[in-house]
Amino acid sequence: EANNFYIGSGVDENGLRAENQFDHIPWAEYQSMILSLREETPLSMIMLTLYSEIDMNVTIRIRYYDHSSHTLYELGVQNVAVRAGDYDAGTDTLMIDLTGQMDTGTEITTPVDVVVGEFDDSMEDGVLRSTEGKPIDSTTAKYYKIIQSRSGFGAIGVFDETMANSSYLELAFDIEKTAESEYMPFKVCLVAVIEGE
């Protein structure tokens, strides 16, 4: 099954985005995305890009939940200036290193092996499983919690780790805004997942 958020390298000979590269990805103001793999895999890096028709600043918060220890870790945030215009693979691809220290929300940092398999979504017949953007509604809302935005107005919705049946890696997108009601749509594009040892 193809992942609707995957774009591969998909660039032309000049390093610019191939025609229609992002057309299959829905426009939305994404708040979070959970990475699910077909089999349990240690990860060292993920590569992605954010594509928008408007300039925006986004803080990506990488959250890893280790189901075996029932511990949620948050990697140091990565601030991204998304600029409207053609996609350049050389400058617009983000490389997020998962091999460093993970911040547990305390002053102590601990090296953590990020191991992700298939997201176990046995909840209500797979209500959360989707290969395309899906809004939170009255059925899915109970599986999420609200955390305070670090870079703008209001808060963002992230998966509630107490509901998890498996380990998972979540990308939370915290958009800098000038007003709480401002709508800033973009496209999340997964370029590559790099395995660890």
Protein backbone atom coordinates (compact mmCIF):
# COMPACT_ATOMS: atom_id res chain seq x y z
CA GLU A 1 0.00 0.00 0.00
CA ALA A 2 1.46 3.34 -1.01
CA ASN A 3 1.93 6.02 1.58
CA ASN A 4 0.15 9.17 0.41
CA PHE A 5 2.77 11.36 2.11
CA TYR A 6 5.79 9.78 0.39
CA ILE A 7 7.41 11.72 -2.45
CA GLY A 8 10.78 9.97 -2.89
CA SER A 9 13.52 12.15 -4.33
CA GLY A 10 11.25 13.10 -7.27
CA VAL A 11 13.42 15.93 -8.58
CA ASP A 12 14.37 16.90 -12.10
CA GLU A 13 17.93 17.23 -13.46
CA ASN A 14 18.24 20.74 -11.94
CA GLY A 15 17.33 19.61 -8.41
CA LEU A 16 13.93 21.32 -8.61
CA ARG A 17 10.74 19.48 -7.77
CA ALA A 18 9.31 17.30 -10.50
CA GLU A 19 6.06 18.52 -12.04
CA ASN A 20 3.06 17.60 -9.84
CA GLN A 21 5.38 16.29 -7.13
CA PHE A 22 3.03 17.22 -4.27
CA ASP A 23 -0.36 17.01 -5.97
CA HIS A 24 -1.41 13.75 -4.28
CA ILE A 25 -0.92 15.18 -0.77
CA PRO A 26 -3.95 16.99 0.70
CA TRP A 27 -3.65 20.62 1.83
CA ALA A 28 -4.23 20.93 5.58
CA GLU A 29 -2.91 22.60 8.67
CA TYR A 30 -1.36 19.38 9.95
CA GLN A 31 -0.82 19.08 13.68
CA SER A 32 0.81 15.67 13.92
CA MET A 33 1.76 12.58 11.94
CA ILE A 34 2.59 9.09 13.24
CA LEU A 35 5.17 7.09 11.31
CA SER A 36 4.21 3.44 10.84
CA LEU A 37 6.50 0.83 9.26
CA ARG A 38 5.62 -2.69 8.10
CA GLU A 39 8.09 -4.33 10.47
CA GLU A 40 9.96 -3.30 13.60
CA THR A 41 12.92 -1.20 12.49
CA PRO A 42 15.58 0.80 14.37
CA LEU A 43 15.74 4.32 12.91
CA SER A 44 18.62 6.76 12.70
CA MET A 45 17.15 9.53 10.54
CA ILE A 46 14.06 10.66 8.70
CA MET A 47 14.06 13.04 5.76
CA LEU A 48 11.06 15.17 4.94
CA THR A 49 9.99 18.47 3.47
CA LEU A 50 7.14 20.86 4.16
CA TYR A 51 5.63 22.48 1.09
CA SER A 52 3.51 25.63 1.20
CA GLU A 53 2.23 28.39 -1.04
CA ILE A 54 2.84 30.90 1.75
CA ASP A 55 5.88 31.66 3.91
CA MET A 56 5.63 30.23 7.40
CA ASN A 57 7.75 29.22 10.39
CA VAL A 58 7.16 25.76 11.82
CA THR A 59 8.64 24.08 14.87
CA ILE A 60 8.77 20.32 14.42
CA ARG A 61 8.59 18.40 17.69
CA ILE A 62 9.73 14.78 17.38
CA ARG A 63 7.98 12.61 19.94
CA TYR A 64 8.90 8.96 20.53
CA TYR A 65 6.87 6.65 22.73
CA ASP A 66 8.59 3.45 23.93
CA HIS A 67 5.75 1.07 24.72
CA SER A 68 7.98 -1.45 26.54
CA SER A 69 8.97 1.13 29.17
CA HIS A 70 5.78 3.25 28.84
CA THR A 71 7.94 6.35 28.40
CA LEU A 72 7.37 9.33 26.13
CA TYR A 73 10.50 11.11 24.89
CA GLU A 74 10.66 14.39 23.00
CA LEU A 75 13.68 15.18 20.86
CA GLY A 76 14.90 18.75 20.83
CA VAL A 77 12.74 20.80 18.49
CA GLN A 78 13.73 21.71 14.95
CA ASN A 79 12.75 25.16 13.68
CA VAL A 80 12.00 25.35 9.97
CA ALA A 81 11.46 28.42 7.78
CA VAL A 82 9.15 27.23 4.99
CA ARG A 83 9.32 29.48 1.94
CA ALA A 84 6.78 29.49 -0.87
CA GLY A 85 8.09 28.55 -4.29
CA ASP A 86 9.76 25.71 -6.13
CA TYR A 87 11.03 22.75 -4.13
CA ASP A 88 14.82 22.42 -4.18
CA ALA A 89 15.92 18.99 -2.93
CA GLY A 90 19.29 20.38 -1.85
CA THR A 91 17.96 23.08 0.44
CA ASP A 92 14.36 22.14 1.23
CA THR A 93 14.85 18.58 2.51
CA LEU A 94 15.04 18.35 6.30
CA MET A 95 17.24 15.71 7.88
CA ILE A 96 16.09 14.83 11.39
CA ASP A 97 18.67 12.89 13.37
CA LEU A 98 17.18 10.33 15.75
CA THR A 99 20.46 9.01 17.19
CA GLY A 100 21.18 11.82 19.64
CA GLN A 101 19.99 12.51 23.14
CA MET A 102 16.27 12.38 23.76
CA ASP A 103 14.73 14.85 26.21
CA THR A 104 12.28 13.21 28.61
CA GLY A 105 11.01 16.58 29.81
CA THR A 106 13.39 16.64 32.76
CA GLU A 107 16.97 17.89 33.07
CA ILE A 108 18.28 14.37 32.52
CA THR A 109 18.83 13.24 28.95
CA THR A 110 19.20 9.60 28.05
CA PRO A 111 20.37 7.96 24.82
CA VAL A 112 17.39 6.08 23.38
CA ASP A 113 17.18 3.59 20.53
CA VAL A 114 14.26 4.67 18.34
CA VAL A 115 12.61 1.45 17.14
CA VAL A 116 9.35 1.74 15.20
CA GLY A 117 7.17 -0.98 13.72
CA GLU A 118 3.62 -1.06 12.47
CA PHE A 119 1.43 1.26 14.51
CA ASP A 120 -1.00 -0.97 16.41
CA ASP A 121 -4.30 0.69 15.71
CA SER A 122 -6.70 -1.93 17.00
CA MET A 123 -8.81 0.85 18.49
CA GLU A 124 -12.38 0.81 17.22
CA ASP A 125 -11.56 -1.17 14.07
CA GLY A 126 -8.59 0.93 13.03
CA VAL A 127 -10.22 4.33 13.31
CA LEU A 128 -6.84 6.12 13.31
CA ARG A 129 -5.17 4.18 10.48
CA SER A 130 -5.02 6.30 7.38
CA THR A 131 -2.54 6.86 4.56
CA GLU A 132 -3.95 10.31 3.95
CA GLY A 133 -4.72 13.31 6.12
CA LYS A 134 -7.64 12.77 8.46
CA PRO A 135 -9.25 15.44 10.65
CA ILE A 136 -9.89 14.79 14.31
CA ASP A 137 -13.61 14.27 14.84
CA SER A 138 -15.94 13.14 17.64
CA THR A 139 -14.86 9.50 17.17
CA THR A 140 -11.10 10.08 17.16
CA ALA A 141 -10.82 13.04 19.58
CA LYS A 142 -10.48 10.84 22.67
CA TYR A 143 -7.19 9.43 21.32
CA TYR A 144 -5.54 12.85 21.28
CA LYS A 145 -4.48 15.39 23.84
CA ILE A 146 -3.76 19.08 23.59
CA ILE A 147 -0.30 20.47 24.33
CA GLN A 148 0.67 24.11 24.50
CA SER A 149 2.17 25.64 21.38
CA ARG A 150 5.80 26.73 21.80
CA SER A 151 5.88 29.03 18.79
CA GLY A 152 2.49 30.60 18.36
CA PHE A 153 -1.06 31.01 19.58
CA GLY A 154 -3.08 28.28 21.24
CA ALA A 155 -2.20 24.60 21.29
CA ILE A 156 -1.69 21.55 19.07
CA GLY A 157 -3.24 18.09 19.10
CA VAL A 158 -0.92 15.10 19.58
CA PHE A 159 -1.59 11.40 20.11
CA ASP A 160 -2.28 10.50 23.75
CA GLU A 161 0.44 7.99 24.57
CA THR A 162 -1.67 6.43 27.33
CA MET A 163 -3.89 5.03 24.55
CA ALA A 164 -0.99 3.45 22.64
CA ASN A 165 -0.75 -0.30 22.01
CA SER A 166 2.73 -0.05 20.47
CA SER A 167 5.81 2.14 20.24
CA TYR A 168 5.51 5.02 17.78
CA LEU A 169 7.29 8.04 16.34
CA GLU A 170 5.19 11.18 15.98
CA LEU A 171 6.00 14.46 14.26
CA ALA A 172 4.11 17.38 15.79
CA PHE A 173 3.89 20.58 13.74
CA ASP A 174 3.77 23.79 15.75
CA ILE A 175 3.06 26.75 13.43
CA GLU A 176 4.01 30.31 14.30
CA LYS A 177 0.94 32.50 13.90
CA THR A 178 -0.07 36.11 14.31
CA ALA A 179 -3.65 35.23 15.29
CA GLU A 180 -5.19 32.09 16.76
CA SER A 181 -7.81 31.84 14.00
CA GLU A 182 -5.29 32.14 11.16
CA TYR A 183 -5.39 29.10 8.84
CA MET A 184 -2.01 28.12 7.37
CA PRO A 185 -2.25 25.00 5.17
CA PHE A 186 0.81 23.07 4.00
CA LYS A 187 1.81 19.63 2.74
CA VAL A 188 3.89 17.13 4.73
CA CYS A 189 6.14 15.11 2.45
CA LEU A 190 8.17 12.13 3.62
CA VAL A 191 11.30 11.73 1.49
CA ALA A 192 13.16 8.86 3.20
CA VAL A 193 13.43 6.79 6.37
CA ILE A 194 17.01 5.78 7.23
CA GLU A 195 17.50 2.60 9.25
CA GLY A 196 19.81 2.48 12.23
CA GLU A 197 21.88 -0.44 13.49
